[in-house]
Amino acid sequence: MARRDPFFEAGGRAEFLDTQVDVYQRMNRMSSRQRRIAEYGIFARYLEHWPEDANRAREYAKNIKGTAVLSEVNPLLNLIQNWLYARRRYRLRC
């Protein structure tokens, strides 16, 4: 089973991201520009449902040990990317 991040467990967040894994998998066949547009599309749809998570992600990122990357980019976008990547890897193994 793919690792579930506690950040996404409440309020249907994990279920929403599960529906986006297929889009994320198709992104591998896109150019880098198309990939960025698709990635931000997922991010925008997520924020439509949970706009409060942008601030929540900043606080959450401060509590994660050993993840310097989270402080360099938008923490919520990075959390979403990591979650989708983990789910895609899990699906490819099944």
Protein backbone atom coordinates (compact mmCIF):
# COMPACT_ATOMS: atom_id res chain seq x y z
CA MET A 1 0.00 0.00 0.00
CA ALA A 2 1.27 3.48 -0.81
CA ARG A 3 2.22 5.60 2.14
CA ARG A 4 -0.63 7.86 3.18
CA ASP A 5 0.39 11.34 4.21
CA PRO A 6 -1.61 12.48 7.27
CA PHE A 7 -1.85 15.95 5.73
CA PHE A 8 -4.31 14.63 3.13
CA GLU A 9 -6.34 12.21 5.25
CA ALA A 10 -9.22 14.50 6.29
CA GLY A 11 -12.08 15.95 4.29
CA GLY A 12 -11.83 13.93 1.10
CA ARG A 13 -8.41 15.25 0.12
CA ALA A 14 -6.87 11.82 -0.48
CA GLU A 15 -9.87 10.73 -2.54
CA PHE A 16 -9.61 13.87 -4.68
CA LEU A 17 -5.91 13.29 -5.31
CA ASP A 18 -6.62 9.63 -6.14
CA THR A 19 -8.78 10.88 -9.02
CA GLN A 20 -5.84 12.94 -10.30
CA VAL A 21 -3.28 10.09 -10.46
CA ASP A 22 -4.21 9.17 -14.04
CA VAL A 23 -3.61 12.76 -15.15
CA TYR A 24 -0.30 12.69 -13.33
CA GLN A 25 0.71 9.45 -15.08
CA ARG A 26 -0.08 10.91 -18.52
CA MET A 27 2.16 13.88 -17.71
CA ASN A 28 5.22 11.68 -18.32
CA ARG A 29 4.45 11.77 -22.04
CA MET A 30 4.14 15.57 -22.15
CA SER A 31 6.66 18.28 -22.85
CA SER A 32 7.97 20.12 -19.81
CA ARG A 33 5.73 23.11 -20.56
CA GLN A 34 2.62 20.92 -20.90
CA ARG A 35 3.60 19.04 -17.73
CA ARG A 36 3.87 22.29 -15.77
CA ILE A 37 0.46 23.45 -17.03
CA ALA A 38 -1.13 20.09 -16.11
CA GLU A 39 0.54 20.10 -12.70
CA TYR A 40 -0.72 23.59 -11.90
CA GLY A 41 -4.17 22.54 -13.14
CA ILE A 42 -4.24 19.80 -10.50
CA PHE A 43 -2.99 22.31 -7.95
CA ALA A 44 -5.66 24.89 -8.91
CA ARG A 45 -8.47 22.32 -8.70
CA TYR A 46 -7.19 21.24 -5.29
CA LEU A 47 -7.17 24.84 -4.03
CA GLU A 48 -10.73 25.35 -5.24
CA HIS A 49 -11.80 22.71 -2.74
CA TRP A 50 -9.38 23.47 0.12
CA PRO A 51 -7.99 27.03 -0.09
CA GLU A 52 -7.03 26.94 3.59
CA ASP A 53 -4.44 24.25 2.90
CA ALA A 54 -1.88 26.72 1.53
CA ASN A 55 -1.30 28.10 5.03
CA ARG A 56 -1.75 24.69 6.63
CA ALA A 57 0.98 23.29 4.35
CA ARG A 58 3.47 25.95 5.44
CA GLU A 59 2.99 24.95 9.06
CA TYR A 60 3.09 21.25 8.21
CA ALA A 61 6.33 21.71 6.23
CA LYS A 62 8.01 23.26 9.25
CA ASN A 63 7.35 20.07 11.22
CA ILE A 64 8.82 17.67 8.63
CA LYS A 65 12.40 16.71 9.39
CA GLY A 66 15.00 16.52 6.63
CA THR A 67 13.05 18.08 3.79
CA ALA A 68 14.92 21.21 2.73
CA VAL A 69 13.10 21.26 -0.61
CA LEU A 70 9.80 22.17 1.06
CA SER A 71 11.17 25.51 2.16
CA GLU A 72 12.37 26.34 -1.37
CA VAL A 73 9.07 25.93 -3.23
CA ASN A 74 5.42 26.28 -2.41
CA PRO A 75 4.93 23.70 0.35
CA LEU A 76 1.44 22.65 -0.71
CA LEU A 77 2.42 22.10 -4.34
CA ASN A 78 5.37 19.99 -3.21
CA LEU A 79 3.18 17.90 -0.89
CA ILE A 80 0.71 17.28 -3.71
CA GLN A 81 3.48 16.33 -6.14
CA ASN A 82 5.02 13.91 -3.65
CA TRP A 83 1.66 12.33 -2.89
CA LEU A 84 0.81 11.87 -6.57
CA TYR A 85 4.26 10.44 -7.30
CA ALA A 86 3.93 7.91 -4.47
CA ARG A 87 0.47 6.83 -5.68
CA ARG A 88 1.67 6.52 -9.28
CA ARG A 89 4.58 4.33 -8.18
CA TYR A 90 2.19 2.14 -6.20
CA ARG A 91 -0.18 1.76 -9.18
CA LEU A 92 2.67 0.83 -11.51
CA ARG A 93 3.70 -2.01 -9.18
CA CYS A 94 0.20 -3.53 -9.06
